């Protein structure tokens, strides 16, 4: 999963139609304030850190996965607290865990999802063991520290807290530690949706995909992902005559491929807003300096939009990617000997489509742009559905906003569209209102998801547990 981080200028209190601190606190329901608060203890933090580091030290790189080892660890922790669990697996080595604390049934369940697999790590590129969970300067370094074992840990801790406090719930709370999110959802969310929907069916779901963005140590906004772009990559296959490299030809497949990739790289696909991104820029404008605010308020203007779009491309790439279908060449393959002109050359183009993109038409536009009958476009089989945004007028979105007001009163909640993709897509396709949240990250922190030296601030881990606790407490009681 690729998270969005904004790197604009300083923080200001929310203005305009969005509530100030005092009003925000008044909005927090009395039931929330009346519930016991088991947080802010050294003992709880130590327990949270112990589970987090234990999970990080289990190498669940996908491939091959090995998520069953992580699922067994979680099962042992939950069962010792009297929380029933189920291990559900298409592949015995790659199990999903589902745990449930029952409510009184007056409302439909809410699910907390986190995936236990991680992307591979190039150990030679890391300054520490990527599976050692090293602690340095207030950070924990490990593959999975921000994608996605911090969410798994937060879900685990909230389940333990609910059980220990004997919270009276009006809806079941389901915890799902899933396999295969990093490219093999057939073993994880697809398997659960198609074969075990009864175990995970919920009205609402919370998972990765959002972020809590800070500047200079102060939280500026909490981005809650209500929508996400859709992976729709293609393989380009260029063909030409093979031959001796001493007799170059303009029909060289490598040259054809290079020309096609260059044309796609220069293509400025059209900018387009949807309900989520429109609300995102409107709210972001309310906490931004005048110059930035003016730009965000006029993103959709016919006259000013193109200039703003060029500014995004140069200075705010996350925003540039958010408002269009993007293409990025990621892999090239050609040849087998230095002195042989190959008959084929391949490139993989990673496409992240807007949810409403007409993909057959988009592929035709690609073919017309490349304008070479000897270059074939082979679409990758979709692994996630395109779905409309989740609503922002629901009990759970309000609970997320209230948790933000309680913890970060000078910040604001932004509905956002993730430029990456998560397993919430499959749940939205089933009618679940699904929301992505995430830990506190400092704008510009190099230790992001999938990066070398991936890292999470230790204090951010504890705040993540607290944020999820307040959200679940309000949404499920």
Foldseek 3Di string as FASTA:
>chain_A
DDADFWDDDDWFFFDDPDDFLVVLLVPQDPLLVPADDPADDPVLLVVLVVLLLVLLLDAQAPVVGQCVVVQVVLCVVCVVLVWDKDWDWPDNSFTKIKTKDFAPQQFEEEEQEAESYFHDDDCVLFPDRQSRQDDDPQKTWHTCQFRPSLSLSLLSSLSSVCSVSVDHWNYMYMYMHFTDFPPGCVGTLVCCVVPPCVRPPGQEYEYAHWEQEDAPPATAEWEKAQAAWFKKKKKKKFFFDKDWQVDDDPSQSVNLVVLLVVLQVPDQFDFADDPQLLQQLCRVLSTHPPVSSVLSPCCPPPVCVVVSLVVCVVPPVSVNLQGAWHKDWDDKDDDDDPGMRGRMIMIMITITGQLPDPVVVVVVVSCVSSVDPRMDIGIDDTPFHRADGFDCPDQLNVLLQSLCSVPRSSHGYGHGYGHDDGSVRVVVVVVHRYIHGGWYDYRPPQLDRPGHRNMDRSVRSSSSSSSVNSSCSRSTD
